[in-house]
């Protein structure tokens, strides 16, 4: 009886893990579209970087869904390395672009859409990250727990981008946008190192 209950709980946790990843995946698919539009309209490095981070998060969610479907562990390692490589590419883009923007004094436009989306994204990502941490612990699933940390970082990055957008819009601090890009760069490097160790 105990093992049956344990099996039922594991199946529920597995289902919950898949649902959390599907919500994350859907959110980021919609988000990429919004962020591409907002980044072009505002000429914002931070929004472009956050959009690229959302593309990576789509890949990470796909990897976890793949892993929760109990696909071969060798594929899991390869997929984690692919995510790490994507973070390396994001890091290179942000380092170059943020430096150029600061060097030439390029001023981004205001972005009400970017402000609204990054606010909503921060709330959504922190909620999803908490759910993934709890579900990953219940399943003893290292991949779901690790991806939950990526989701948490996504929430932190949303706050960093939001701060840059607000400072640019209300204080006229144009340099806050590329500085927010550097914040994303820091986390992208950290996540790249973590993913490439697998």
Protein backbone atom coordinates (compact mmCIF):
# COMPACT_ATOMS: atom_id res chain seq x y z
CA UNK A 1 0.00 0.00 0.00
CA UNK A 2 2.80 2.42 0.90
CA UNK A 3 4.64 1.76 -2.35
CA UNK A 4 1.40 2.30 -4.29
CA UNK A 5 0.90 5.65 -2.56
CA UNK A 6 4.52 6.54 -3.27
CA UNK A 7 3.99 5.62 -6.92
CA UNK A 8 0.85 7.77 -7.11
CA UNK A 9 2.69 10.71 -5.54
CA UNK A 10 5.57 10.27 -7.98
CA UNK A 11 3.18 10.23 -10.94
CA UNK A 12 1.46 13.38 -9.66
CA UNK A 13 4.82 15.10 -9.21
CA UNK A 14 5.91 14.01 -12.69
CA UNK A 15 2.68 15.40 -14.15
CA UNK A 16 3.14 18.64 -12.21
CA UNK A 17 6.75 18.92 -13.42
CA UNK A 18 5.59 18.57 -17.02
CA UNK A 19 2.84 21.14 -16.51
CA UNK A 20 5.30 23.65 -14.99
CA UNK A 21 7.63 23.20 -17.97
CA UNK A 22 4.77 23.57 -20.47
CA UNK A 23 3.72 26.85 -18.82
CA UNK A 24 7.34 28.07 -18.88
CA UNK A 25 7.66 27.05 -22.51
CA UNK A 26 4.42 28.79 -23.52
CA UNK A 27 5.30 31.94 -21.58
CA UNK A 28 8.69 32.22 -23.25
CA UNK A 29 7.36 31.53 -26.75
CA UNK A 30 4.93 34.44 -26.34
CA UNK A 31 7.67 36.46 -24.62
CA UNK A 32 10.16 36.14 -27.48
CA UNK A 33 7.65 37.72 -29.86
CA UNK A 34 6.89 40.58 -27.47
CA UNK A 35 10.56 41.14 -26.62
CA UNK A 36 11.68 41.19 -30.27
CA UNK A 37 9.08 43.89 -31.01
CA UNK A 38 9.91 45.86 -27.83
CA UNK A 39 13.70 45.60 -28.36
CA UNK A 40 13.46 46.87 -31.96
CA UNK A 41 11.02 49.65 -31.05
CA UNK A 42 13.11 50.83 -28.08
CA UNK A 43 16.52 49.98 -29.60
CA UNK A 44 17.28 48.28 -26.27
CA UNK A 45 20.26 45.98 -25.76
CA UNK A 46 18.81 44.72 -22.47
CA UNK A 47 15.48 43.74 -24.06
CA UNK A 48 17.29 42.04 -26.96
CA UNK A 49 19.48 40.13 -24.51
CA UNK A 50 16.47 39.17 -22.42
CA UNK A 51 14.73 37.96 -25.59
CA UNK A 52 17.74 35.76 -26.40
CA UNK A 53 17.70 34.48 -22.83
CA UNK A 54 14.03 33.55 -23.35
CA UNK A 55 15.01 31.55 -26.44
CA UNK A 56 17.53 29.66 -24.28
CA UNK A 57 14.86 29.11 -21.63
CA UNK A 58 12.65 27.57 -24.36
CA UNK A 59 15.50 25.16 -25.10
CA UNK A 60 15.97 24.40 -21.40
CA UNK A 61 12.25 23.65 -20.95
CA UNK A 62 12.35 21.38 -23.99
CA UNK A 63 15.32 19.52 -22.49
CA UNK A 64 13.48 19.00 -19.20
CA UNK A 65 10.32 17.81 -20.94
CA UNK A 66 12.51 15.43 -22.93
CA UNK A 67 14.19 14.20 -19.73
CA UNK A 68 10.86 13.83 -17.87
CA UNK A 69 9.73 11.62 -20.74
CA UNK A 70 12.60 9.36 -19.58
CA UNK A 71 14.68 9.65 -22.71
CA UNK A 72 18.26 8.29 -22.63
CA UNK A 73 20.60 9.95 -20.11
CA UNK A 74 23.29 10.39 -22.79
CA UNK A 75 20.93 12.73 -24.62
CA UNK A 76 20.40 14.67 -21.39
CA UNK A 77 24.14 15.38 -21.17
CA UNK A 78 24.31 16.43 -24.81
CA UNK A 79 21.27 18.67 -24.39
CA UNK A 80 22.75 20.36 -21.30
CA UNK A 81 25.92 21.08 -23.30
CA UNK A 82 23.82 22.60 -26.08
CA UNK A 83 22.16 24.89 -23.53
CA UNK A 84 25.60 25.82 -22.18
CA UNK A 85 26.79 26.67 -25.69
CA UNK A 86 23.72 28.88 -26.20
CA UNK A 87 24.58 30.76 -23.00
CA UNK A 88 28.14 31.25 -24.30
CA UNK A 89 26.74 32.77 -27.52
CA UNK A 90 24.44 35.02 -25.46
CA UNK A 91 27.43 36.12 -23.36
CA UNK A 92 29.46 37.07 -26.44
CA UNK A 93 26.54 39.03 -27.92
CA UNK A 94 25.90 40.96 -24.69
CA UNK A 95 29.57 41.70 -24.02
CA UNK A 96 30.08 43.14 -27.51
CA UNK A 97 26.74 44.93 -27.85
CA UNK A 98 26.67 46.48 -24.36
CA UNK A 99 30.26 47.70 -24.73
CA UNK A 100 29.57 49.29 -28.14
CA UNK A 101 26.40 50.98 -26.83
CA UNK A 102 28.27 52.45 -23.85
CA UNK A 103 31.28 53.49 -25.96
CA UNK A 104 29.23 55.39 -28.55
CA UNK A 105 26.65 56.71 -26.07
CA UNK A 106 23.71 55.17 -27.94
CA UNK A 107 20.43 56.14 -26.25
CA UNK A 108 17.54 53.65 -26.26
CA UNK A 109 13.91 54.80 -26.46
CA UNK A 110 11.31 54.35 -23.73
CA UNK A 111 9.54 50.98 -23.71
CA UNK A 112 6.16 50.75 -21.92
CA UNK A 113 5.65 47.27 -23.45
CA UNK A 114 9.07 46.15 -22.19
CA UNK A 115 8.30 47.49 -18.71
CA UNK A 116 4.94 45.69 -18.56
CA UNK A 117 6.31 42.41 -19.92
CA UNK A 118 9.41 42.26 -17.70
CA UNK A 119 7.25 43.00 -14.62
CA UNK A 120 4.85 40.16 -15.48
CA UNK A 121 7.76 37.86 -16.38
CA UNK A 122 9.51 38.41 -13.04
CA UNK A 123 6.35 37.40 -11.15
CA UNK A 124 5.69 34.40 -13.40
CA UNK A 125 9.28 33.10 -13.32
CA UNK A 126 9.62 33.31 -9.52
CA UNK A 127 6.34 31.40 -9.13
CA UNK A 128 7.36 28.75 -11.66
CA UNK A 129 10.85 28.42 -10.14
CA UNK A 130 9.37 27.74 -6.69
CA UNK A 131 7.09 25.07 -8.17
CA UNK A 132 9.98 23.42 -10.04
CA UNK A 133 12.20 23.38 -6.94
CA UNK A 134 9.46 21.68 -4.90
CA UNK A 135 8.50 19.23 -7.64
CA UNK A 136 12.13 18.46 -8.54
CA UNK A 137 12.87 17.69 -4.88
CA UNK A 138 9.80 15.42 -4.68
CA UNK A 139 10.96 13.54 -7.79
CA UNK A 140 14.63 13.68 -6.82
CA UNK A 141 15.18 14.95 -10.37
CA UNK A 142 18.41 16.96 -10.74
CA UNK A 143 17.51 18.23 -14.23
CA UNK A 144 14.18 19.73 -13.10
CA UNK A 145 15.86 21.28 -10.04
CA UNK A 146 18.64 22.76 -12.24
CA UNK A 147 16.15 24.12 -14.77
CA UNK A 148 14.19 25.61 -11.85
CA UNK A 149 17.34 27.58 -10.99
CA UNK A 150 17.52 28.79 -14.60
CA UNK A 151 13.89 29.92 -14.28
CA UNK A 152 14.74 31.72 -11.03
CA UNK A 153 17.65 33.46 -12.78
CA UNK A 154 15.21 34.44 -15.54
CA UNK A 155 13.15 36.21 -12.87
CA UNK A 156 16.25 38.03 -11.57
CA UNK A 157 17.16 39.05 -15.10
CA UNK A 158 13.64 40.37 -15.66
CA UNK A 159 14.09 42.60 -12.60
CA UNK A 160 17.51 43.79 -13.86
CA UNK A 161 16.08 44.63 -17.29
CA UNK A 162 13.05 46.29 -15.67
CA UNK A 163 15.35 48.44 -13.52
CA UNK A 164 17.31 49.50 -16.62
CA UNK A 165 14.11 50.36 -18.50
CA UNK A 166 12.67 52.33 -15.58
CA UNK A 167 15.89 54.25 -14.98
CA UNK A 168 16.10 55.10 -18.68
CA UNK A 169 12.43 56.15 -18.86
CA UNK A 170 12.06 58.10 -15.62
CA UNK A 171 15.56 59.27 -14.71
CA UNK A 172 17.00 59.63 -18.21
CA UNK A 173 19.84 57.25 -17.35
CA UNK A 174 20.37 55.90 -20.89
CA UNK A 175 23.39 53.88 -19.75
CA UNK A 176 21.18 51.78 -17.42
CA UNK A 177 20.03 49.73 -20.44
CA UNK A 178 23.50 48.43 -21.46
CA UNK A 179 24.40 48.01 -17.76
CA UNK A 180 21.36 45.73 -17.45
CA UNK A 181 22.86 43.87 -20.43
CA UNK A 182 26.02 43.34 -18.36
CA UNK A 183 23.93 41.91 -15.52
CA UNK A 184 22.47 39.37 -17.97
CA UNK A 185 26.03 38.73 -19.21
CA UNK A 186 27.17 37.83 -15.68
CA UNK A 187 24.37 35.31 -15.21
CA UNK A 188 24.77 33.94 -18.75
CA UNK A 189 28.44 33.16 -18.07
CA UNK A 190 27.54 31.48 -14.78
CA UNK A 191 24.82 29.37 -16.37
CA UNK A 192 27.09 28.47 -19.30
CA UNK A 193 29.73 27.16 -16.90
CA UNK A 194 27.15 25.16 -14.96
CA UNK A 195 25.55 23.63 -18.05
CA UNK A 196 28.84 22.75 -19.73
CA UNK A 197 30.02 20.81 -16.65
CA UNK A 198 27.34 18.13 -17.28
